[in-house]
PDB file of N, CA and C in Angstrom:
ATOM      1  N   MET A   1     -62.331   1.135  24.444  1.00  0.00           N
ATOM      2  CA  MET A   1     -62.824  -0.021  23.722  1.00  0.00           C
ATOM      3  C   MET A   1     -64.209   0.262  23.143  1.00  0.00           C
ATOM      4  N   LYS A   2     -64.418  -0.252  21.973  1.00  0.00           N
ATOM      5  CA  LYS A   2     -65.722  -0.087  21.332  1.00  0.00           C
ATOM      6  C   LYS A   2     -66.636  -1.214  21.759  1.00  0.00           C
ATOM      7  N   THR A   3     -67.872  -0.841  21.980  1.00  0.00           N
ATOM      8  CA  THR A   3     -68.870  -1.864  22.282  1.00  0.00           C
ATOM      9  C   THR A   3     -69.328  -2.502  20.972  1.00  0.00           C
ATOM     10  N   THR A   4     -70.017  -3.587  21.090  1.00  0.00           N
ATOM     11  CA  THR A   4     -70.556  -4.254  19.909  1.00  0.00           C
ATOM     12  C   THR A   4     -71.497  -3.323  19.158  1.00  0.00           C
ATOM     13  N   ALA A   5     -72.305  -2.571  19.904  1.00  0.00           N
ATOM     14  CA  ALA A   5     -73.233  -1.630  19.268  1.00  0.00           C
ATOM     15  C   ALA A   5     -72.476  -0.559  18.492  1.00  0.00           C
ATOM     16  N   ASP A   6     -71.382  -0.052  19.072  1.00  0.00           N
ATOM     17  CA  ASP A   6     -70.564   0.950  18.380  1.00  0.00           C
ATOM     18  C   ASP A   6     -69.978   0.378  17.097  1.00  0.00           C
ATOM     19  N   GLN A   7     -69.492  -0.844  17.161  1.00  0.00           N
ATOM     20  CA  GLN A   7     -68.916  -1.488  15.975  1.00  0.00           C
ATOM     21  C   GLN A   7     -69.966  -1.683  14.891  1.00  0.00           C
ATOM     22  N   LEU A   8     -71.158  -2.085  15.278  1.00  0.00           N
ATOM     23  CA  LEU A   8     -72.234  -2.280  14.308  1.00  0.00           C
ATOM     24  C   LEU A   8     -72.644  -0.957  13.677  1.00  0.00           C
ATOM     25  N   ARG A   9     -72.712   0.103  14.484  1.00  0.00           N
ATOM     26  CA  ARG A   9     -73.052   1.423  13.955  1.00  0.00           C
ATOM     27  C   ARG A   9     -72.001   1.884  12.954  1.00  0.00           C
ATOM     28  N   GLU A  10     -70.740   1.700  13.317  1.00  0.00           N
ATOM     29  CA  GLU A  10     -69.655   2.111  12.424  1.00  0.00           C
ATOM     30  C   GLU A  10     -69.679   1.313  11.129  1.00  0.00           C
ATOM     31  N   GLU A  11     -69.932   0.025  11.216  1.00  0.00           N
ATOM     32  CA  GLU A  11     -70.001  -0.823  10.023  1.00  0.00           C
ATOM     33  C   GLU A  11     -71.163  -0.396   9.125  1.00  0.00           C
ATOM     34  N   GLY A  12     -72.302  -0.092   9.740  1.00  0.00           N
ATOM     35  CA  GLY A  12     -73.447   0.382   8.966  1.00  0.00           C
ATOM     36  C   GLY A  12     -73.154   1.703   8.289  1.00  0.00           C
ATOM     37  N   ARG A  13     -72.475   2.595   8.988  1.00  0.00           N
ATOM     38  CA  ARG A  13     -72.099   3.882   8.424  1.00  0.00           C
ATOM     39  C   ARG A  13     -71.132   3.689   7.255  1.00  0.00           C
ATOM     40  N   LYS A  14     -70.199   2.780   7.440  1.00  0.00           N
ATOM     41  CA  LYS A  14     -69.224   2.496   6.386  1.00  0.00           C
ATOM     42  C   LYS A  14     -69.927   1.980   5.134  1.00  0.00           C
ATOM     43  N   GLU A  15     -70.863   1.050   5.298  1.00  0.00           N
ATOM     44  CA  GLU A  15     -71.600   0.512   4.152  1.00  0.00           C
ATOM     45  C   GLU A  15     -72.395   1.606   3.443  1.00  0.00           C
ATOM     46  N   GLU A  16     -72.957   2.511   4.222  1.00  0.00           N
ATOM     47  CA  GLU A  16     -73.706   3.633   3.657  1.00  0.00           C
ATOM     48  C   GLU A  16     -72.810   4.515   2.786  1.00  0.00           C
ATOM     49  N   VAL A  17     -71.621   4.817   3.288  1.00  0.00           N
ATOM     50  CA  VAL A  17     -70.686   5.663   2.549  1.00  0.00           C
ATOM     51  C   VAL A  17     -70.212   4.942   1.287  1.00  0.00           C
ATOM     52  N   ILE A  18     -69.932   3.654   1.383  1.00  0.00           N
ATOM     53  CA  ILE A  18     -69.493   2.876   0.216  1.00  0.00           C
ATOM     54  C   ILE A  18     -70.585   2.884  -0.865  1.00  0.00           C
ATOM     55  N   GLU A  19     -71.827   2.672  -0.468  1.00  0.00           N
ATOM     56  CA  GLU A  19     -72.922   2.677  -1.439  1.00  0.00           C
ATOM     57  C   GLU A  19     -73.057   4.040  -2.112  1.00  0.00           C
ATOM     58  N   SER A  20     -72.883   5.110  -1.342  1.00  0.00           N
ATOM     59  CA  SER A  20     -72.985   6.445  -1.941  1.00  0.00           C
ATOM     60  C   SER A  20     -71.818   6.708  -2.887  1.00  0.00           C
ATOM     61  N   ILE A  21     -70.641   6.185  -2.572  1.00  0.00           N
ATOM     62  CA  ILE A  21     -69.478   6.325  -3.461  1.00  0.00           C
ATOM     63  C   ILE A  21     -69.757   5.602  -4.779  1.00  0.00           C
ATOM     64  N   LYS A  22     -70.288   4.390  -4.705  1.00  0.00           N
ATOM     65  CA  LYS A  22     -70.607   3.635  -5.925  1.00  0.00           C
ATOM     66  C   LYS A  22     -71.580   4.411  -6.808  1.00  0.00           C
ATOM     67  N   LEU A  23     -72.620   4.947  -6.188  1.00  0.00           N
ATOM     68  CA  LEU A  23     -73.629   5.697  -6.929  1.00  0.00           C
ATOM     69  C   LEU A  23     -73.035   6.965  -7.547  1.00  0.00           C
ATOM     70  N   MET A  24     -72.266   7.706  -6.770  1.00  0.00           N
ATOM     71  CA  MET A  24     -71.654   8.937  -7.285  1.00  0.00           C
ATOM     72  C   MET A  24     -70.689   8.630  -8.414  1.00  0.00           C
ATOM     73  N   TYR A  25     -69.927   7.546  -8.275  1.00  0.00           N
ATOM     74  CA  TYR A  25     -68.979   7.135  -9.317  1.00  0.00           C
ATOM     75  C   TYR A  25     -69.734   6.848 -10.615  1.00  0.00           C
ATOM     76  N   GLU A  26     -70.824   6.070 -10.509  1.00  0.00           N
ATOM     77  CA  GLU A  26     -71.624   5.744 -11.698  1.00  0.00           C
ATOM     78  C   GLU A  26     -72.176   6.990 -12.362  1.00  0.00           C
ATOM     79  N   MET A  27     -72.669   7.910 -11.566  1.00  0.00           N
ATOM     80  CA  MET A  27     -73.243   9.143 -12.114  1.00  0.00           C
ATOM     81  C   MET A  27     -72.162  10.027 -12.746  1.00  0.00           C
ATOM     82  N   LYS A  28     -71.015  10.100 -12.116  1.00  0.00           N
ATOM     83  CA  LYS A  28     -69.943  10.973 -12.601  1.00  0.00           C
ATOM     84  C   LYS A  28     -69.297  10.420 -13.872  1.00  0.00           C
ATOM     85  N   PHE A  29     -69.002   9.131 -13.886  1.00  0.00           N
ATOM     86  CA  PHE A  29     -68.214   8.551 -14.979  1.00  0.00           C
ATOM     87  C   PHE A  29     -69.028   7.662 -15.920  1.00  0.00           C
ATOM     88  N   ASN A  30     -70.328   7.587 -15.737  1.00  0.00           N
ATOM     89  CA  ASN A  30     -71.208   6.778 -16.592  1.00  0.00           C
ATOM     90  C   ASN A  30     -70.729   5.339 -16.730  1.00  0.00           C
ATOM     91  N   ASN A  31     -70.285   4.793 -15.615  1.00  0.00           N
ATOM     92  CA  ASN A  31     -69.762   3.438 -15.627  1.00  0.00           C
ATOM     93  C   ASN A  31     -69.823   2.886 -14.210  1.00  0.00           C
ATOM     94  N   LYS A  32     -69.991   1.582 -14.101  1.00  0.00           N
ATOM     95  CA  LYS A  32     -69.966   0.963 -12.771  1.00  0.00           C
ATOM     96  C   LYS A  32     -68.521   0.858 -12.292  1.00  0.00           C
ATOM     97  N   ILE A  33     -68.355   0.946 -10.997  1.00  0.00           N
ATOM     98  CA  ILE A  33     -67.036   0.801 -10.386  1.00  0.00           C
ATOM     99  C   ILE A  33     -66.643  -0.683 -10.448  1.00  0.00           C
ATOM    100  N   SER A  34     -65.386  -0.959 -10.741  1.00  0.00           N
ATOM    101  CA  SER A  34     -64.941  -2.353 -10.900  1.00  0.00           C
ATOM    102  C   SER A  34     -64.919  -3.082  -9.561  1.00  0.00           C
ATOM    103  N   GLU A  35     -65.029  -4.391  -9.628  1.00  0.00           N
ATOM    104  CA  GLU A  35     -64.968  -5.223  -8.419  1.00  0.00           C
ATOM    105  C   GLU A  35     -63.634  -5.037  -7.707  1.00  0.00           C
ATOM    106  N   GLU A  36     -62.572  -4.873  -8.479  1.00  0.00           N
ATOM    107  CA  GLU A  36     -61.237  -4.660  -7.895  1.00  0.00           C
ATOM    108  C   GLU A  36     -61.220  -3.391  -7.042  1.00  0.00           C
ATOM    109  N   LEU A  37     -61.796  -2.311  -7.570  1.00  0.00           N
ATOM    110  CA  LEU A  37     -61.815  -1.053  -6.824  1.00  0.00           C
ATOM    111  C   LEU A  37     -62.769  -1.129  -5.634  1.00  0.00           C
ATOM    112  N   ILE A  38     -63.841  -1.880  -5.758  1.00  0.00           N
ATOM    113  CA  ILE A  38     -64.745  -2.067  -4.627  1.00  0.00           C
ATOM    114  C   ILE A  38     -64.004  -2.734  -3.480  1.00  0.00           C
ATOM    115  N   LYS A  39     -63.189  -3.728  -3.791  1.00  0.00           N
ATOM    116  CA  LYS A  39     -62.404  -4.402  -2.750  1.00  0.00           C
ATOM    117  C   LYS A  39     -61.446  -3.428  -2.069  1.00  0.00           C
ATOM    118  N   VAL A  40     -60.866  -2.525  -2.858  1.00  0.00           N
ATOM    119  CA  VAL A  40     -59.947  -1.529  -2.285  1.00  0.00           C
ATOM    120  C   VAL A  40     -60.708  -0.599  -1.343  1.00  0.00           C
ATOM    121  N   ILE A  41     -61.843  -0.078  -1.789  1.00  0.00           N
ATOM    122  CA  ILE A  41     -62.558   0.884  -0.940  1.00  0.00           C
ATOM    123  C   ILE A  41     -63.155   0.215   0.301  1.00  0.00           C
ATOM    124  N   GLU A  42     -63.485  -1.055   0.209  1.00  0.00           N
ATOM    125  CA  GLU A  42     -64.029  -1.751   1.377  1.00  0.00           C
ATOM    126  C   GLU A  42     -63.008  -1.848   2.507  1.00  0.00           C
ATOM    127  N   ASN A  43     -61.735  -1.717   2.189  1.00  0.00           N
ATOM    128  CA  ASN A  43     -60.687  -1.793   3.202  1.00  0.00           C
ATOM    129  C   ASN A  43     -60.270  -0.430   3.746  1.00  0.00           C
ATOM    130  N   LEU A  44     -60.891   0.635   3.252  1.00  0.00           N
ATOM    131  CA  LEU A  44     -60.556   1.967   3.727  1.00  0.00           C
ATOM    132  C   LEU A  44     -61.336   2.302   4.998  1.00  0.00           C
ATOM    133  N   SER A  45     -60.792   3.213   5.782  1.00  0.00           N
ATOM    134  CA  SER A  45     -61.479   3.673   6.988  1.00  0.00           C
ATOM    135  C   SER A  45     -62.664   4.543   6.597  1.00  0.00           C
ATOM    136  N   VAL A  46     -63.585   4.727   7.521  1.00  0.00           N
ATOM    137  CA  VAL A  46     -64.744   5.581   7.272  1.00  0.00           C
ATOM    138  C   VAL A  46     -64.281   7.000   6.935  1.00  0.00           C
ATOM    139  N   GLU A  47     -63.263   7.481   7.635  1.00  0.00           N
ATOM    140  CA  GLU A  47     -62.754   8.834   7.394  1.00  0.00           C
ATOM    141  C   GLU A  47     -62.210   8.978   5.975  1.00  0.00           C
ATOM    142  N   LYS A  48     -61.447   7.999   5.515  1.00  0.00           N
ATOM    143  CA  LYS A  48     -60.904   8.036   4.148  1.00  0.00           C
ATOM    144  C   LYS A  48     -62.035   7.925   3.131  1.00  0.00           C
ATOM    145  N   LEU A  49     -63.007   7.087   3.413  1.00  0.00           N
ATOM    146  CA  LEU A  49     -64.147   6.945   2.516  1.00  0.00           C
ATOM    147  C   LEU A  49     -64.907   8.263   2.371  1.00  0.00           C
ATOM    148  N   GLN A  50     -65.059   8.980   3.467  1.00  0.00           N
ATOM    149  CA  GLN A  50     -65.743  10.267   3.414  1.00  0.00           C
ATOM    150  C   GLN A  50     -64.956  11.270   2.576  1.00  0.00           C
ATOM    151  N   LYS A  51     -63.615  11.225   2.662  1.00  0.00           N
ATOM    152  CA  LYS A  51     -62.774  12.094   1.823  1.00  0.00           C
ATOM    153  C   LYS A  51     -62.941  11.733   0.356  1.00  0.00           C
ATOM    154  N   VAL A  52     -62.943  10.434   0.071  1.00  0.00           N
ATOM    155  CA  VAL A  52     -63.116   9.972  -1.306  1.00  0.00           C
ATOM    156  C   VAL A  52     -64.450  10.484  -1.847  1.00  0.00           C
ATOM    157  N   ARG A  53     -65.500  10.304  -1.071  1.00  0.00           N
ATOM    158  CA  ARG A  53     -66.833  10.725  -1.502  1.00  0.00           C
ATOM    159  C   ARG A  53     -66.881  12.226  -1.780  1.00  0.00           C
ATOM    160  N   SER A  54     -66.250  13.011  -0.932  1.00  0.00           N
ATOM    161  CA  SER A  54     -66.286  14.465  -1.126  1.00  0.00           C
ATOM    162  C   SER A  54     -65.462  14.918  -2.322  1.00  0.00           C
ATOM    163  N   MET A  55     -64.503  14.106  -2.752  1.00  0.00           N
ATOM    164  CA  MET A  55     -63.636  14.474  -3.877  1.00  0.00           C
ATOM    165  C   MET A  55     -64.181  14.033  -5.233  1.00  0.00           C
ATOM    166  N   ILE A  56     -65.098  13.095  -5.276  1.00  0.00           N
ATOM    167  CA  ILE A  56     -65.614  12.596  -6.551  1.00  0.00           C
ATOM    168  C   ILE A  56     -66.093  13.711  -7.479  1.00  0.00           C
ATOM    169  N   PRO A  57     -66.857  14.689  -7.010  1.00  0.00           N
ATOM    170  CA  PRO A  57     -67.295  15.751  -7.931  1.00  0.00           C
ATOM    171  C   PRO A  57     -66.144  16.533  -8.576  1.00  0.00           C
ATOM    172  N   LYS A  58     -64.996  16.564  -7.930  1.00  0.00           N
ATOM    173  CA  LYS A  58     -63.844  17.313  -8.446  1.00  0.00           C
ATOM    174  C   LYS A  58     -62.959  16.476  -9.364  1.00  0.00           C
ATOM    175  N   MET A  59     -63.177  15.180  -9.396  1.00  0.00           N
ATOM    176  CA  MET A  59     -62.337  14.283 -10.193  1.00  0.00           C
ATOM    177  C   MET A  59     -62.733  14.366 -11.663  1.00  0.00           C
ATOM    178  N   ASP A  60     -61.711  14.252 -12.522  1.00  0.00           N
ATOM    179  CA  ASP A  60     -61.990  14.381 -13.952  1.00  0.00           C
ATOM    180  C   ASP A  60     -61.962  13.054 -14.706  1.00  0.00           C
ATOM    181  N   SER A  61     -61.579  11.965 -14.027  1.00  0.00           N
ATOM    182  CA  SER A  61     -61.556  10.676 -14.710  1.00  0.00           C
ATOM    183  C   SER A  61     -61.544   9.530 -13.701  1.00  0.00           C
ATOM    184  N   PRO A  62     -61.905   8.330 -14.151  1.00  0.00           N
ATOM    185  CA  PRO A  62     -61.808   7.161 -13.275  1.00  0.00           C
ATOM    186  C   PRO A  62     -60.376   6.913 -12.796  1.00  0.00           C
ATOM    187  N   ASP A  63     -59.399   7.295 -13.620  1.00  0.00           N
ATOM    188  CA  ASP A  63     -58.004   7.129 -13.212  1.00  0.00           C
ATOM    189  C   ASP A  63     -57.685   7.985 -11.994  1.00  0.00           C
ATOM    190  N   THR A  64     -58.230   9.189 -11.960  1.00  0.00           N
ATOM    191  CA  THR A  64     -58.025  10.069 -10.818  1.00  0.00           C
ATOM    192  C   THR A  64     -58.634   9.446  -9.565  1.00  0.00           C
ATOM    193  N   PHE A  65     -59.804   8.849  -9.721  1.00  0.00           N
ATOM    194  CA  PHE A  65     -60.453   8.161  -8.612  1.00  0.00           C
ATOM    195  C   PHE A  65     -59.565   7.047  -8.087  1.00  0.00           C
ATOM    196  N   GLU A  66     -59.064   6.234  -9.008  1.00  0.00           N
ATOM    197  CA  GLU A  66     -58.231   5.098  -8.600  1.00  0.00           C
ATOM    198  C   GLU A  66     -56.958   5.559  -7.898  1.00  0.00           C
ATOM    199  N   GLU A  67     -56.324   6.584  -8.425  1.00  0.00           N
ATOM    200  CA  GLU A  67     -55.119   7.113  -7.778  1.00  0.00           C
ATOM    201  C   GLU A  67     -55.431   7.601  -6.367  1.00  0.00           C
ATOM    202  N   PHE A  68     -56.545   8.284  -6.221  1.00  0.00           N
ATOM    203  CA  PHE A  68     -56.914   8.847  -4.925  1.00  0.00           C
ATOM    204  C   PHE A  68     -57.159   7.762  -3.890  1.00  0.00           C
ATOM    205  N   ILE A  69     -57.848   6.695  -4.252  1.00  0.00           N
ATOM    206  CA  ILE A  69     -58.153   5.664  -3.260  1.00  0.00           C
ATOM    207  C   ILE A  69     -56.941   4.814  -2.923  1.00  0.00           C
ATOM    208  N   ARG A  70     -55.941   4.816  -3.773  1.00  0.00           N
ATOM    209  CA  ARG A  70     -54.756   4.005  -3.512  1.00  0.00           C
ATOM    210  C   ARG A  70     -53.665   4.782  -2.780  1.00  0.00           C
ATOM    211  N   GLU A  71     -53.907   6.047  -2.480  1.00  0.00           N
ATOM    212  CA  GLU A  71     -52.909   6.856  -1.750  1.00  0.00           C
ATOM    213  C   GLU A  71     -52.719   6.341  -0.358  1.00  0.00           C
TER     214      GLU A  71
END
């Protein structure tokens, strides 16, 4: 079982990864990430979010990003 402190740490880590994904997306594609896609990524696990973040530099379009997060 996770303690409250563990849950808070994980939530903080998740928010950190989400913010970095938003920033990387903006830098890579010169556009803000849509609210719809933000809702999708907010429901992903920290592990999946970290995979998404590591793949952004290799992606060639926003469509590739969207396909990847919906897998």
